[in-house]
Protein backbone atom coordinates (compact mmCIF):
# COMPACT_ATOMS: atom_id res chain seq x y z
CA MET A 1 14.22 0.41 -4.12
CA GLU A 2 11.91 -0.81 -7.11
CA THR A 3 9.24 0.31 -8.17
CA ARG A 4 6.35 -0.78 -10.17
CA LYS A 5 7.02 -0.69 -13.98
CA ARG A 6 4.44 -0.63 -16.92
CA PRO A 7 4.71 -1.38 -20.25
CA ARG A 8 5.52 1.10 -22.93
CA ILE A 9 4.34 0.38 -25.30
CA LYS A 10 2.48 3.93 -27.33
CA LEU A 11 -0.58 1.89 -29.53
CA THR A 12 -1.38 3.66 -31.87
CA GLY A 13 -5.01 3.74 -33.52
CA GLY A 14 -6.29 0.99 -35.94
CA PRO A 15 -4.14 -2.89 -36.77
CA HIS A 16 -0.33 -2.16 -34.77
CA GLY A 17 0.30 -6.00 -34.71
CA ILE A 18 0.36 -6.20 -30.81
CA PRO A 19 -1.75 -9.32 -29.49
CA ARG A 20 -4.92 -8.28 -28.14
CA ALA A 21 -3.70 -9.27 -24.52
CA ILE A 22 -1.19 -6.62 -24.51
CA VAL A 23 -3.16 -3.94 -25.36
CA ALA A 24 -5.30 -5.54 -22.38
CA ASP A 25 -2.46 -5.35 -20.32
CA ILE A 26 -1.32 -1.70 -21.30
CA GLN A 27 -4.43 -0.13 -21.65
CA ARG A 28 -5.58 -1.60 -17.55
CA GLY A 29 -2.24 -0.32 -16.17
CA ARG A 30 -3.62 2.94 -17.84
CA LEU A 31 -6.98 3.11 -16.00
CA LEU A 32 -5.76 1.98 -12.61
CA ASP A 33 -3.03 4.79 -13.17
CA ALA A 34 -5.32 7.15 -13.58
CA MET A 35 -7.42 6.07 -11.25
CA ALA A 36 -5.24 6.92 -8.71
CA GLU A 37 -4.07 9.58 -9.46
CA VAL A 38 -7.35 11.44 -10.08
CA MET A 39 -8.28 9.97 -6.60
CA ALA A 40 -5.67 10.71 -4.87
CA GLU A 41 -6.74 14.75 -6.81
CA GLU A 42 -10.71 14.53 -5.96
CA GLY A 43 -11.10 12.18 -3.61
CA TYR A 44 -12.83 8.35 -4.30
CA ILE A 45 -16.60 10.38 -4.22
CA ALA A 46 -16.15 12.80 -6.28
CA THR A 47 -14.42 10.73 -8.57
CA THR A 48 -16.04 9.45 -12.30
CA VAL A 49 -15.07 7.16 -15.29
CA HIS A 50 -14.82 10.33 -17.08
CA MET A 51 -12.23 11.81 -15.30
CA VAL A 52 -10.77 8.47 -14.70
CA LEU A 53 -11.06 7.73 -19.22
CA LYS A 54 -9.58 11.35 -19.51
CA ARG A 55 -6.74 10.68 -17.83
CA ALA A 56 -5.81 8.06 -19.06
CA GLY A 57 -6.92 8.52 -22.27
CA ILE A 58 -9.22 5.86 -22.75
CA SER A 59 -12.60 4.99 -24.20
CA ARG A 60 -15.44 4.29 -22.49
CA ARG A 61 -15.72 1.32 -24.32
CA THR A 62 -12.00 -0.04 -23.57
CA PHE A 63 -13.63 1.15 -19.91
CA TYR A 64 -15.92 -1.72 -19.58
CA GLU A 65 -14.35 -4.70 -20.98
CA LEU A 66 -11.82 -4.16 -18.77
CA PHE A 67 -13.81 -3.46 -14.79
CA LYS A 68 -17.48 -3.69 -14.15
CA ASP A 69 -18.16 0.10 -12.22
CA LYS A 70 -15.51 2.33 -10.67
CA GLU A 71 -15.46 0.58 -7.89
CA ASP A 72 -14.32 -2.48 -9.71
CA CYS A 73 -11.34 -0.54 -11.20
CA PHE A 74 -11.07 1.68 -8.06
CA LEU A 75 -10.59 -2.29 -5.94
CA GLN A 76 -8.70 -3.62 -9.05
CA THR A 77 -6.20 -0.39 -8.58
CA TYR A 78 -6.03 -0.66 -4.86
CA GLN A 79 -5.53 -4.51 -4.46
CA GLU A 80 -2.33 -4.04 -7.45
CA ALA A 81 -0.55 -1.78 -4.99
CA ALA A 82 -1.21 -3.25 -2.13
CA ASP A 83 0.19 -6.40 -2.98
CA HIS A 84 3.47 -4.44 -4.52
CA VAL A 85 3.61 -3.04 -2.00
CA ILE A 86 3.38 -6.68 0.62
CA GLU A 87 6.11 -8.62 -2.16
CA LEU A 88 8.51 -5.06 -0.66
CA VAL A 89 8.78 -5.60 2.53
CA LYS A 90 9.06 -9.76 2.86
CA GLN A 91 11.74 -9.87 0.24
CA SER A 92 13.30 -6.61 2.03
CA CYS A 93 12.43 -8.22 5.85
CA ALA A 94 14.36 -11.71 4.24
CA GLU A 95 17.05 -9.27 4.47
CA GLY A 96 20.05 -10.33 6.89
CA GLY A 97 20.60 -9.01 10.27
CA THR A 98 18.71 -8.93 13.75
CA PRO A 99 15.26 -8.91 14.00
CA GLU A 100 14.92 -4.69 14.72
CA GLU A 101 17.13 -4.40 11.85
CA ARG A 102 14.47 -7.01 9.11
CA ILE A 103 11.61 -5.10 10.43
CA GLU A 104 13.29 -1.50 9.93
CA ASN A 105 14.01 -2.81 6.78
CA GLY A 106 10.11 -4.40 6.27
CA LEU A 107 9.48 -0.38 7.15
CA ARG A 108 11.53 1.59 5.47
CA ALA A 109 10.78 -1.03 2.30
CA MET A 110 7.11 0.82 2.02
CA LEU A 111 7.88 3.76 3.25
CA HIS A 112 9.62 4.75 0.17
CA PHE A 113 7.25 3.36 -1.74
CA ALA A 114 5.20 5.85 -0.28
CA ARG A 115 7.66 8.16 -1.56
CA ARG A 116 8.34 7.33 -4.00
CA GLU A 117 4.01 6.12 -5.19
CA PRO A 118 2.08 9.35 -3.25
CA ALA A 119 -0.71 8.85 -5.65
CA THR A 120 -1.06 5.17 -5.40
CA ALA A 121 0.35 5.52 -1.68
CA ARG A 122 -2.71 8.02 -0.17
CA VAL A 123 -5.11 5.37 -2.30
CA CYS A 124 -4.49 2.43 -0.47
CA ILE A 125 -4.25 4.30 2.69
CA VAL A 126 -6.27 6.87 3.08
CA GLU A 127 -8.98 7.13 0.38
CA VAL A 128 -9.64 2.77 0.84
CA MET A 129 -11.63 4.13 4.14
CA GLY A 130 -14.04 5.61 2.02
CA ALA A 131 -14.90 3.47 -0.35
CA GLY A 132 -17.04 1.23 0.85
CA GLN A 133 -17.30 -1.46 2.81
CA ARG A 134 -16.08 -4.02 0.09
CA ALA A 135 -12.80 -1.26 0.41
CA ARG A 136 -12.20 -1.62 3.79
CA ASP A 137 -12.67 -5.54 3.33
CA ARG A 138 -9.68 -5.49 0.96
CA ARG A 139 -7.47 -3.38 3.81
CA SER A 140 -7.93 -5.45 6.65
CA GLU A 141 -6.99 -7.74 4.72
CA THR A 142 -3.76 -6.29 3.75
CA MET A 143 -3.24 -4.98 7.49
CA GLU A 144 -3.55 -8.14 8.56
CA ARG A 145 -0.48 -9.67 6.15
CA LEU A 146 2.01 -7.39 7.16
CA THR A 147 0.84 -8.07 10.08
CA GLY A 148 1.34 -11.66 9.62
CA LEU A 149 5.25 -10.45 8.12
CA VAL A 150 6.70 -8.57 10.62
CA CYS A 151 5.23 -11.19 13.19
CA GLU A 152 7.16 -13.91 11.28
CA VAL A 153 10.33 -12.14 12.15
CA LEU A 154 9.37 -10.95 15.44
CA GLU A 155 9.17 -14.19 16.22
CA LEU A 156 12.77 -14.50 16.63
CA ARG A 157 13.42 -12.37 19.18
CA TYR A 158 9.89 -13.02 21.46
CA ALA A 159 7.59 -16.15 22.18
CA ALA A 160 3.60 -15.65 19.94
CA ASP A 161 2.03 -13.69 21.63
CA GLU A 162 4.52 -11.14 22.19
CA ALA A 163 5.49 -11.80 19.26
CA GLN A 164 1.71 -11.51 17.74
CA LEU A 165 0.83 -8.06 19.76
CA ARG A 166 3.97 -6.40 18.88
CA ALA A 167 3.40 -7.12 14.95
CA ARG A 168 0.23 -5.11 15.21
CA VAL A 169 1.48 -1.71 17.01
CA ILE A 170 4.53 -1.70 15.04
CA VAL A 171 1.64 -1.75 11.31
CA GLY A 172 -0.87 0.29 12.88
CA ALA A 173 1.90 2.69 14.33
CA VAL A 174 2.93 2.91 10.64
CA HIS A 175 -0.40 3.12 9.68
CA GLU A 176 -1.21 6.05 11.44
CA MET A 177 1.80 8.24 10.83
CA VAL A 178 1.28 7.37 6.86
CA TYR A 179 -1.99 8.74 7.05
CA ASP A 180 -1.53 11.42 8.96
CA ALA A 181 1.85 12.21 6.00
CA LEU A 182 -0.58 11.33 3.30
CA SER A 183 -3.27 13.52 4.46
CA ARG A 184 -1.46 16.37 4.32
CA ASN A 185 0.62 15.93 2.06
CA ARG A 186 3.62 15.94 4.25
CA THR A 187 5.62 12.80 2.85
CA ARG A 188 9.67 14.12 3.04
CA GLY A 189 9.02 13.05 6.92
CA LEU A 190 8.27 9.54 6.22
CA SER A 191 12.26 8.62 5.91
CA ARG A 192 12.40 8.75 9.70
CA VAL A 193 9.70 6.87 9.74
CA ALA A 194 10.99 3.88 9.59
CA GLU A 195 14.00 3.81 12.49
CA GLU A 196 11.71 6.15 14.87
CA VAL A 197 8.82 3.37 14.92
CA VAL A 198 11.91 0.53 15.66
CA GLU A 199 13.13 2.25 18.41
CA SER A 200 10.11 3.33 19.51
CA TYR A 201 8.21 -0.51 20.41
CA LEU A 202 11.01 -2.46 19.63
CA ALA A 203 14.32 -1.17 21.51
CA PRO A 204 15.21 -2.49 24.90
CA GLY A 205 12.65 -1.26 27.52
CA GLY A 206 10.23 0.19 24.54
CA THR A 207 7.59 2.39 26.75
CA HIS A 208 5.38 2.37 24.05
CA SER A 209 5.18 -0.81 23.42
CA ASP A 210 5.43 -2.51 27.57
CA ALA A 211 1.88 0.10 27.49
CA ALA A 212 1.10 -1.60 24.64
CA ALA A 213 0.69 -4.86 26.12
CA GLU A 214 -0.31 -3.55 28.67
CA ALA A 215 -3.57 -1.97 27.12
CA VAL A 216 -4.16 -5.25 25.24
CA HIS A 217 -3.61 -7.95 28.53
CA GLY A 218 -5.48 -5.41 31.07
CA ARG A 219 -2.78 -5.15 33.14
């Protein structure tokens, strides 16, 4: 499964003949990666711009040319990763098979990303909760986008209202499982989550999804 790729160009002091836009993009990428790495180790509150600069090997002046402040850098780190995950899930859900198989494919893509890039995944799922209201708003938008992708596939099997409910339950369940794994630094078992979720919430007569429906509709 594809993960995000950064340009592999070594920047050295002095004129190097690389267009300024490319240099800025490389520096921005290094800072985003450094933000994810430091924050995964220290948490949002304890992370400082100085820590990020030291990890990235980028000057303070360059940082403030690219970002307004730490929060801005975090939000861009989060959004880049979230957009990438959304695209992975979208592509995987579009693959052939039954709706259940397509949903499982999408979940596997997301979980694979969490295993391959645990620091970035931790930023998106764990640290985002303590990074302020703007970050939580971004998280809510991402959850809605994921729910929409799952719902679109489930509408091939269920009526619109039920598809929407099941999609919310599935996305919420996966989020909680991944949150628990990342917060405990135990990502090895994530590969089984997709199959478990599909079996629990989409299998014919699944008790989890029926119970959730009853709770939401007050039955």
